[in-house]
Amino acid sequence: MTAKTISLNRKAYHDYDIHQSVEAGIVLTGTEIKSIRAGRVNLGDGYAHPEGGELWLFNAHIARYEEGNRYNHEPTRPRKLLLHRKQIDELGGKVMQKGFTIVPLKLYLKNGIAKVELGLAKGRRLHDKRESIARREAEREMERAMKLAKRV
């Protein structure tokens, strides 16, 4: 059960508070999986939304496969996500009621199959972002001080 991370959405961890995460399969075409294996993926603007009882991934950019022919794919086309019905209903309910959104956190290959880790997230405000940055910097300063204290 080896997993190779292809793309990580660092922007999501900065812009959102992640409350829950879930692994989902993704329906791809032949040229898309080849492009993913080449590492040409960007999840930065992506989001998932329930439509018609299914969960769809929008705005995730998978670059065109250069060796592809006329059957090449559209880079930002909507892609169907594969989850259990119970999971789709749970995520969809939270998105509709509580102001959550579903963002892709990372895309990886697990035993040769593309998987997406989705996060149930709530947006951060600007002061929340500043607060988390300040907290991180304070922790770094404490670690530096501890290292200096150990040297003396």
N, C-alpha and C. Protein backbone atom coordinates (compact mmCIF):
# COMPACT_ATOMS: atom_id res chain seq x y z
N MET A 1 0.83 -1.18 0.00
CA MET A 1 0.00 0.00 0.00
C MET A 1 0.88 1.25 0.00
N THR A 2 1.55 1.49 -1.11
CA THR A 2 2.42 2.64 -1.22
C THR A 2 1.67 3.80 -1.85
N ALA A 3 1.90 4.98 -1.34
CA ALA A 3 1.25 6.18 -1.87
C ALA A 3 2.33 7.18 -2.26
N LYS A 4 2.23 7.69 -3.49
CA LYS A 4 3.17 8.68 -4.00
C LYS A 4 2.41 9.98 -4.21
N THR A 5 2.76 11.01 -3.43
CA THR A 5 2.08 12.29 -3.53
C THR A 5 2.49 12.98 -4.83
N ILE A 6 1.50 13.38 -5.60
CA ILE A 6 1.74 14.06 -6.87
C ILE A 6 1.62 15.57 -6.70
N SER A 7 0.57 16.02 -6.02
CA SER A 7 0.33 17.45 -5.85
C SER A 7 -0.24 17.70 -4.46
N LEU A 8 0.24 18.76 -3.82
CA LEU A 8 -0.22 19.14 -2.49
C LEU A 8 -0.76 20.56 -2.58
N ASN A 9 -1.93 20.80 -2.03
CA ASN A 9 -2.59 22.11 -2.09
C ASN A 9 -2.25 22.89 -0.83
N ARG A 10 -1.10 23.56 -0.82
CA ARG A 10 -0.67 24.32 0.35
C ARG A 10 -1.57 25.53 0.59
N LYS A 11 -2.11 26.06 -0.49
CA LYS A 11 -3.01 27.23 -0.38
C LYS A 11 -4.24 26.90 0.47
N ALA A 12 -4.73 25.67 0.38
CA ALA A 12 -5.91 25.27 1.15
C ALA A 12 -5.62 25.30 2.64
N TYR A 13 -4.44 24.87 3.04
CA TYR A 13 -4.09 24.87 4.46
C TYR A 13 -3.93 26.30 4.98
N HIS A 14 -3.59 27.23 4.11
CA HIS A 14 -3.43 28.62 4.51
C HIS A 14 -4.78 29.36 4.55
N ASP A 15 -5.64 29.10 3.58
CA ASP A 15 -6.89 29.85 3.44
C ASP A 15 -8.06 29.26 4.21
N TYR A 16 -7.96 28.01 4.65
CA TYR A 16 -9.10 27.34 5.28
C TYR A 16 -8.68 26.64 6.57
N ASP A 17 -9.66 26.47 7.45
CA ASP A 17 -9.52 25.57 8.60
C ASP A 17 -10.11 24.23 8.17
N ILE A 18 -9.31 23.19 8.17
CA ILE A 18 -9.75 21.87 7.73
C ILE A 18 -10.36 21.14 8.92
N HIS A 19 -11.64 20.75 8.81
CA HIS A 19 -12.33 20.10 9.91
C HIS A 19 -12.35 18.57 9.78
N GLN A 20 -12.34 18.08 8.56
CA GLN A 20 -12.43 16.64 8.32
C GLN A 20 -11.82 16.36 6.96
N SER A 21 -11.22 15.20 6.79
CA SER A 21 -10.70 14.84 5.48
C SER A 21 -11.16 13.43 5.11
N VAL A 22 -11.27 13.20 3.80
CA VAL A 22 -11.75 11.92 3.29
C VAL A 22 -11.03 11.63 1.98
N GLU A 23 -10.76 10.34 1.76
CA GLU A 23 -10.11 9.91 0.52
C GLU A 23 -11.18 9.57 -0.51
N ALA A 24 -10.97 10.03 -1.75
CA ALA A 24 -11.92 9.75 -2.82
C ALA A 24 -11.17 9.30 -4.06
N GLY A 25 -11.81 8.42 -4.82
CA GLY A 25 -11.29 8.07 -6.13
C GLY A 25 -11.70 9.15 -7.11
N ILE A 26 -11.10 9.13 -8.29
CA ILE A 26 -11.41 10.15 -9.29
C ILE A 26 -11.51 9.48 -10.66
N VAL A 27 -12.53 9.86 -11.42
CA VAL A 27 -12.73 9.29 -12.75
C VAL A 27 -11.90 10.10 -13.74
N LEU A 28 -10.98 9.43 -14.44
CA LEU A 28 -10.06 10.10 -15.36
C LEU A 28 -10.08 9.44 -16.73
N THR A 29 -9.59 10.18 -17.72
CA THR A 29 -9.39 9.60 -19.05
C THR A 29 -7.93 9.16 -19.17
N GLY A 30 -7.59 8.52 -20.25
CA GLY A 30 -6.24 7.98 -20.43
C GLY A 30 -5.16 9.04 -20.43
N THR A 31 -5.40 10.16 -21.12
CA THR A 31 -4.36 11.19 -21.15
C THR A 31 -4.24 11.91 -19.82
N GLU A 32 -5.31 11.96 -19.03
CA GLU A 32 -5.24 12.61 -17.72
C GLU A 32 -4.35 11.84 -16.76
N ILE A 33 -4.49 10.54 -16.72
CA ILE A 33 -3.66 9.75 -15.80
C ILE A 33 -2.19 9.81 -16.20
N LYS A 34 -1.92 9.88 -17.50
CA LYS A 34 -0.54 10.02 -17.96
C LYS A 34 0.04 11.36 -17.53
N SER A 35 -0.76 12.40 -17.62
CA SER A 35 -0.31 13.72 -17.21
C SER A 35 -0.11 13.78 -15.69
N ILE A 36 -0.97 13.10 -14.94
CA ILE A 36 -0.82 13.05 -13.48
C ILE A 36 0.47 12.33 -13.11
N ARG A 37 0.72 11.21 -13.77
CA ARG A 37 1.97 10.48 -13.48
C ARG A 37 3.20 11.31 -13.80
N ALA A 38 3.07 12.24 -14.76
CA ALA A 38 4.18 13.15 -15.08
C ALA A 38 4.26 14.30 -14.08
N GLY A 39 3.27 14.42 -13.18
CA GLY A 39 3.30 15.43 -12.14
C GLY A 39 2.79 16.79 -12.57
N ARG A 40 2.01 16.86 -13.62
CA ARG A 40 1.56 18.15 -14.16
C ARG A 40 0.14 18.46 -13.69
N VAL A 41 0.01 18.70 -12.37
CA VAL A 41 -1.29 18.92 -11.74
C VAL A 41 -1.21 20.15 -10.84
N ASN A 42 -2.31 20.93 -10.80
CA ASN A 42 -2.42 22.06 -9.89
C ASN A 42 -3.80 22.04 -9.26
N LEU A 43 -3.85 21.90 -7.94
CA LEU A 43 -5.12 21.85 -7.21
C LEU A 43 -5.49 23.18 -6.58
N GLY A 44 -4.71 24.22 -6.80
CA GLY A 44 -4.85 25.49 -6.10
C GLY A 44 -6.24 26.10 -6.14
N ASP A 45 -6.89 26.11 -7.29
CA ASP A 45 -8.20 26.74 -7.42
C ASP A 45 -9.34 25.73 -7.36
N GLY A 46 -9.03 24.48 -7.07
CA GLY A 46 -10.04 23.43 -7.13
C GLY A 46 -10.99 23.43 -5.95
N TYR A 47 -12.18 22.91 -6.20
CA TYR A 47 -13.17 22.70 -5.15
C TYR A 47 -14.10 21.58 -5.59
N ALA A 48 -14.76 20.96 -4.65
CA ALA A 48 -15.71 19.89 -4.95
C ALA A 48 -17.10 20.36 -4.55
N HIS A 49 -18.10 19.90 -5.32
CA HIS A 49 -19.47 20.32 -5.05
C HIS A 49 -20.41 19.18 -5.44
N PRO A 50 -21.43 18.91 -4.62
CA PRO A 50 -22.39 17.86 -4.98
C PRO A 50 -23.38 18.36 -6.04
N GLU A 51 -23.62 17.51 -7.04
CA GLU A 51 -24.60 17.81 -8.09
C GLU A 51 -25.26 16.50 -8.51
N GLY A 52 -26.55 16.47 -8.46
CA GLY A 52 -27.29 15.30 -8.91
C GLY A 52 -26.97 14.03 -8.14
N GLY A 53 -26.74 14.15 -6.85
CA GLY A 53 -26.43 12.97 -6.05
C GLY A 53 -25.02 12.45 -6.20
N GLU A 54 -24.17 13.20 -6.90
CA GLU A 54 -22.76 12.82 -7.09
C GLU A 54 -21.89 13.98 -6.66
N LEU A 55 -20.62 13.69 -6.38
CA LEU A 55 -19.67 14.73 -6.00
C LEU A 55 -18.74 14.98 -7.17
N TRP A 56 -18.57 16.24 -7.56
CA TRP A 56 -17.75 16.61 -8.71
C TRP A 56 -16.62 17.53 -8.28
N LEU A 57 -15.47 17.36 -8.91
CA LEU A 57 -14.30 18.21 -8.68
C LEU A 57 -14.21 19.22 -9.80
N PHE A 58 -14.20 20.51 -9.44
CA PHE A 58 -14.16 21.59 -10.41
C PHE A 58 -12.84 22.35 -10.30
N ASN A 59 -12.39 22.92 -11.41
CA ASN A 59 -11.22 23.81 -11.50
C ASN A 59 -9.89 23.20 -11.07
N ALA A 60 -9.81 21.90 -10.94
CA ALA A 60 -8.51 21.26 -10.70
C ALA A 60 -7.83 21.15 -12.07
N HIS A 61 -6.65 21.71 -12.18
CA HIS A 61 -5.97 21.79 -13.48
C HIS A 61 -5.04 20.60 -13.67
N ILE A 62 -5.36 19.75 -14.63
CA ILE A 62 -4.48 18.67 -15.05
C ILE A 62 -4.06 19.02 -16.46
N ALA A 63 -2.78 19.31 -16.65
CA ALA A 63 -2.28 19.81 -17.93
C ALA A 63 -2.51 18.79 -19.05
N ARG A 64 -2.63 19.30 -20.25
CA ARG A 64 -2.77 18.41 -21.42
C ARG A 64 -1.53 17.54 -21.53
N TYR A 65 -1.73 16.31 -21.96
CA TYR A 65 -0.62 15.39 -22.16
C TYR A 65 0.03 15.72 -23.50
N GLU A 66 1.32 16.04 -23.47
CA GLU A 66 1.99 16.53 -24.68
C GLU A 66 2.01 15.52 -25.81
N GLU A 67 2.10 14.24 -25.49
CA GLU A 67 2.13 13.22 -26.54
C GLU A 67 0.71 12.78 -26.94
N GLY A 68 -0.29 13.42 -26.33
CA GLY A 68 -1.67 13.08 -26.65
C GLY A 68 -2.03 13.52 -28.06
N ASN A 69 -3.08 12.94 -28.60
CA ASN A 69 -3.51 13.29 -29.94
C ASN A 69 -4.84 14.03 -29.87
N ARG A 70 -5.71 13.82 -30.80
CA ARG A 70 -6.98 14.54 -30.82
C ARG A 70 -7.89 14.14 -29.66
N TYR A 71 -7.58 13.06 -28.96
CA TYR A 71 -8.38 12.61 -27.83
C TYR A 71 -7.91 13.21 -26.50
N ASN A 72 -7.06 14.22 -26.59
CA ASN A 72 -6.56 14.86 -25.38
C ASN A 72 -7.71 15.51 -24.61
N HIS A 73 -7.52 15.70 -23.31
CA HIS A 73 -8.59 16.18 -22.43
C HIS A 73 -8.56 17.70 -22.25
N GLU A 74 -9.64 18.23 -21.75
CA GLU A 74 -9.73 19.64 -21.37
C GLU A 74 -9.11 19.79 -19.98
N PRO A 75 -8.16 20.72 -19.76
CA PRO A 75 -7.42 20.77 -18.49
C PRO A 75 -8.26 21.00 -17.23
N THR A 76 -9.32 21.80 -17.29
CA THR A 76 -10.08 22.10 -16.08
C THR A 76 -11.50 21.54 -16.11
N ARG A 77 -11.71 20.48 -16.84
CA ARG A 77 -13.06 19.92 -16.95
C ARG A 77 -13.52 19.37 -15.59
N PRO A 78 -14.83 19.34 -15.33
CA PRO A 78 -15.33 18.73 -14.08
C PRO A 78 -15.05 17.23 -14.08
N ARG A 79 -14.60 16.72 -12.93
CA ARG A 79 -14.29 15.30 -12.82
C ARG A 79 -15.11 14.69 -11.69
N LYS A 80 -15.69 13.54 -11.97
CA LYS A 80 -16.52 12.85 -10.99
C LYS A 80 -15.64 12.22 -9.92
N LEU A 81 -16.05 12.37 -8.66
CA LEU A 81 -15.34 11.77 -7.54
C LEU A 81 -16.10 10.55 -7.06
N LEU A 82 -15.37 9.54 -6.65
CA LEU A 82 -15.95 8.26 -6.25
C LEU A 82 -15.91 8.12 -4.73
N LEU A 83 -17.10 8.18 -4.13
CA LEU A 83 -17.27 8.02 -2.69
C LEU A 83 -18.49 7.16 -2.43
N HIS A 84 -18.62 6.67 -1.21
CA HIS A 84 -19.82 5.95 -0.83
C HIS A 84 -20.99 6.92 -0.72
N ARG A 85 -22.18 6.46 -0.98
CA ARG A 85 -23.38 7.29 -0.94
C ARG A 85 -23.51 8.02 0.40
N LYS A 86 -23.22 7.32 1.49
CA LYS A 86 -23.33 7.91 2.82
C LYS A 86 -22.36 9.08 2.97
N GLN A 87 -21.16 8.94 2.46
CA GLN A 87 -20.16 10.00 2.54
C GLN A 87 -20.59 11.21 1.71
N ILE A 88 -21.11 10.96 0.51
CA ILE A 88 -21.56 12.05 -0.36
C ILE A 88 -22.69 12.82 0.32
N ASP A 89 -23.65 12.10 0.89
CA ASP A 89 -24.78 12.75 1.56
C ASP A 89 -24.33 13.56 2.76
N GLU A 90 -23.39 13.02 3.54
CA GLU A 90 -22.89 13.72 4.72
C GLU A 90 -22.16 15.00 4.32
N LEU A 91 -21.24 14.91 3.36
CA LEU A 91 -20.49 16.08 2.93
C LEU A 91 -21.41 17.11 2.28
N GLY A 92 -22.32 16.64 1.43
CA GLY A 92 -23.26 17.54 0.76
C GLY A 92 -24.14 18.28 1.74
N GLY A 93 -24.60 17.59 2.78
CA GLY A 93 -25.43 18.23 3.80
C GLY A 93 -24.70 19.32 4.54
N LYS A 94 -23.44 19.07 4.89
CA LYS A 94 -22.67 20.07 5.61
C LYS A 94 -22.36 21.28 4.73
N VAL A 95 -22.12 21.03 3.46
CA VAL A 95 -21.84 22.13 2.54
C VAL A 95 -23.07 23.02 2.38
N MET A 96 -24.24 22.43 2.28
CA MET A 96 -25.47 23.20 2.07
C MET A 96 -25.91 23.96 3.32
N GLN A 97 -25.69 23.42 4.52
CA GLN A 97 -26.22 24.02 5.74
C GLN A 97 -25.24 24.94 6.46
N LYS A 98 -24.06 24.49 6.72
CA LYS A 98 -23.20 25.15 7.68
C LYS A 98 -22.15 26.09 7.09
N GLY A 99 -22.17 26.32 5.78
CA GLY A 99 -21.20 27.23 5.20
C GLY A 99 -19.83 26.63 4.99
N PHE A 100 -19.74 25.33 4.95
CA PHE A 100 -18.47 24.66 4.66
C PHE A 100 -18.26 24.58 3.16
N THR A 101 -17.04 24.30 2.76
CA THR A 101 -16.73 24.01 1.38
C THR A 101 -15.84 22.78 1.34
N ILE A 102 -15.78 22.12 0.21
CA ILE A 102 -14.94 20.93 0.08
C ILE A 102 -13.79 21.29 -0.86
N VAL A 103 -12.57 21.18 -0.35
CA VAL A 103 -11.39 21.53 -1.14
C VAL A 103 -10.48 20.31 -1.28
N PRO A 104 -9.84 20.16 -2.43
CA PRO A 104 -8.86 19.08 -2.57
C PRO A 104 -7.57 19.45 -1.84
N LEU A 105 -7.10 18.56 -0.99
CA LEU A 105 -5.89 18.82 -0.21
C LEU A 105 -4.65 18.25 -0.90
N LYS A 106 -4.79 17.03 -1.41
CA LYS A 106 -3.66 16.46 -2.16
C LYS A 106 -4.15 15.42 -3.13
N LEU A 107 -3.37 15.21 -4.17
CA LEU A 107 -3.63 14.18 -5.17
C LEU A 107 -2.44 13.23 -5.14
N TYR A 108 -2.72 11.96 -5.07
CA TYR A 108 -1.64 10.98 -4.97
C TYR A 108 -2.01 9.70 -5.69
N LEU A 109 -1.00 8.89 -5.95
CA LEU A 109 -1.20 7.57 -6.55
C LEU A 109 -1.05 6.52 -5.46
N LYS A 110 -2.06 5.69 -5.31
CA LYS A 110 -2.05 4.64 -4.31
C LYS A 110 -2.20 3.32 -5.07
N ASN A 111 -1.16 2.53 -5.07
CA ASN A 111 -1.12 1.27 -5.83
C ASN A 111 -1.46 1.51 -7.30
N GLY A 112 -0.97 2.63 -7.85
CA GLY A 112 -1.18 2.94 -9.26
C GLY A 112 -2.52 3.59 -9.58
N ILE A 113 -3.35 3.82 -8.59
CA ILE A 113 -4.68 4.41 -8.81
C ILE A 113 -4.68 5.82 -8.23
N ALA A 114 -5.19 6.79 -9.00
CA ALA A 114 -5.22 8.19 -8.56
C ALA A 114 -6.29 8.38 -7.49
N LYS A 115 -5.90 9.02 -6.41
CA LYS A 115 -6.81 9.32 -5.31
C LYS A 115 -6.68 10.79 -4.97
N VAL A 116 -7.76 11.38 -4.45
CA VAL A 116 -7.76 12.77 -4.01
C VAL A 116 -8.16 12.79 -2.54
N GLU A 117 -7.39 13.52 -1.73
CA GLU A 117 -7.79 13.72 -0.35
C GLU A 117 -8.57 15.03 -0.31
N LEU A 118 -9.83 14.93 0.10
CA LEU A 118 -10.70 16.09 0.18
C LEU A 118 -10.81 16.55 1.62
N GLY A 119 -10.89 17.85 1.82
CA GLY A 119 -11.04 18.40 3.15
C GLY A 119 -12.33 19.19 3.27
N LEU A 120 -13.07 18.93 4.33
CA LEU A 120 -14.25 19.73 4.64
C LEU A 120 -13.73 20.96 5.37
N ALA A 121 -13.85 22.14 4.75
CA ALA A 121 -13.15 23.31 5.24
C ALA A 121 -14.07 24.49 5.43
N LYS A 122 -13.65 25.36 6.33
CA LYS A 122 -14.34 26.63 6.55
C LYS A 122 -13.32 27.73 6.33
N GLY A 123 -13.68 28.75 5.57
CA GLY A 123 -12.75 29.82 5.20
C GLY A 123 -12.25 30.60 6.40
N ARG A 124 -10.98 31.01 6.32
CA ARG A 124 -10.39 31.86 7.35
C ARG A 124 -10.51 33.32 6.95
N ARG A 125 -10.63 34.15 7.93
CA ARG A 125 -10.61 35.59 7.67
C ARG A 125 -9.16 36.07 7.75
N LEU A 126 -8.92 37.28 7.30
CA LEU A 126 -7.56 37.81 7.24
C LEU A 126 -6.89 37.82 8.62
N HIS A 127 -7.64 38.21 9.67
CA HIS A 127 -7.01 38.26 10.99
C HIS A 127 -6.68 36.85 11.50
N ASP A 128 -7.46 35.84 11.09
CA ASP A 128 -7.14 34.46 11.46
C ASP A 128 -5.84 34.02 10.82
N LYS A 129 -5.63 34.41 9.56
CA LYS A 129 -4.40 34.05 8.86
C LYS A 129 -3.20 34.70 9.55
N ARG A 130 -3.36 35.98 9.90
CA ARG A 130 -2.26 36.69 10.57
C ARG A 130 -1.95 36.05 11.92
N GLU A 131 -3.00 35.63 12.62
CA GLU A 131 -2.83 35.01 13.93
C GLU A 131 -2.07 33.68 13.80
N SER A 132 -2.39 32.88 12.80
CA SER A 132 -1.70 31.60 12.63
C SER A 132 -0.25 31.81 12.21
N ILE A 133 0.01 32.83 11.40
CA ILE A 133 1.39 33.13 11.00
C ILE A 133 2.19 33.58 12.23
N ALA A 134 1.60 34.44 13.05
CA ALA A 134 2.29 34.92 14.26
C ALA A 134 2.56 33.76 15.22
N ARG A 135 1.61 32.84 15.36
CA ARG A 135 1.79 31.68 16.23
C ARG A 135 2.95 30.81 15.74
N ARG A 136 3.01 30.59 14.42
CA ARG A 136 4.08 29.79 13.84
C ARG A 136 5.44 30.43 14.07
N GLU A 137 5.52 31.75 13.86
CA GLU A 137 6.78 32.45 14.08
C GLU A 137 7.20 32.42 15.54
N ALA A 138 6.25 32.53 16.45
CA ALA A 138 6.56 32.45 17.88
C ALA A 138 7.11 31.07 18.24
N GLU A 139 6.53 30.02 17.67
CA GLU A 139 7.04 28.67 17.91
C GLU A 139 8.45 28.50 17.39
N ARG A 140 8.74 29.07 16.22
CA ARG A 140 10.10 29.01 15.66
C ARG A 140 11.10 29.72 16.57
N GLU A 141 10.72 30.89 17.07
CA GLU A 141 11.59 31.64 17.98
C GLU A 141 11.87 30.85 19.25
N MET A 142 10.85 30.18 19.79
CA MET A 142 11.04 29.37 20.99
C MET A 142 12.00 28.21 20.71
N GLU A 143 11.86 27.58 19.55
CA GLU A 143 12.76 26.47 19.20
C GLU A 143 14.19 26.97 19.07
N ARG A 144 14.38 28.15 18.44
CA ARG A 144 15.72 28.71 18.31
C ARG A 144 16.33 29.00 19.67
N ALA A 145 15.51 29.57 20.56
CA ALA A 145 16.00 29.88 21.91
C ALA A 145 16.38 28.60 22.65
N MET A 146 15.59 27.54 22.48
CA MET A 146 15.91 26.27 23.15
C MET A 146 17.22 25.70 22.61
N LYS A 147 17.44 25.80 21.31
CA LYS A 147 18.69 25.29 20.72
C LYS A 147 19.89 26.08 21.25
N LEU A 148 19.72 27.41 21.34
CA LEU A 148 20.80 28.24 21.88
C LEU A 148 21.08 27.91 23.34
N ALA A 149 20.03 27.68 24.11
CA ALA A 149 20.20 27.34 25.53
C ALA A 149 20.93 26.02 25.70
N LYS A 150 20.67 25.06 24.81
CA LYS A 150 21.35 23.76 24.90
C LYS A 150 22.83 23.88 24.56
N ARG A 151 23.19 24.80 23.68
CA ARG A 151 24.59 24.97 23.29
C ARG A 151 25.42 25.56 24.43
N VAL A 152 24.82 26.41 25.22
CA VAL A 152 25.56 27.13 26.28
C VAL A 152 25.76 26.28 27.49
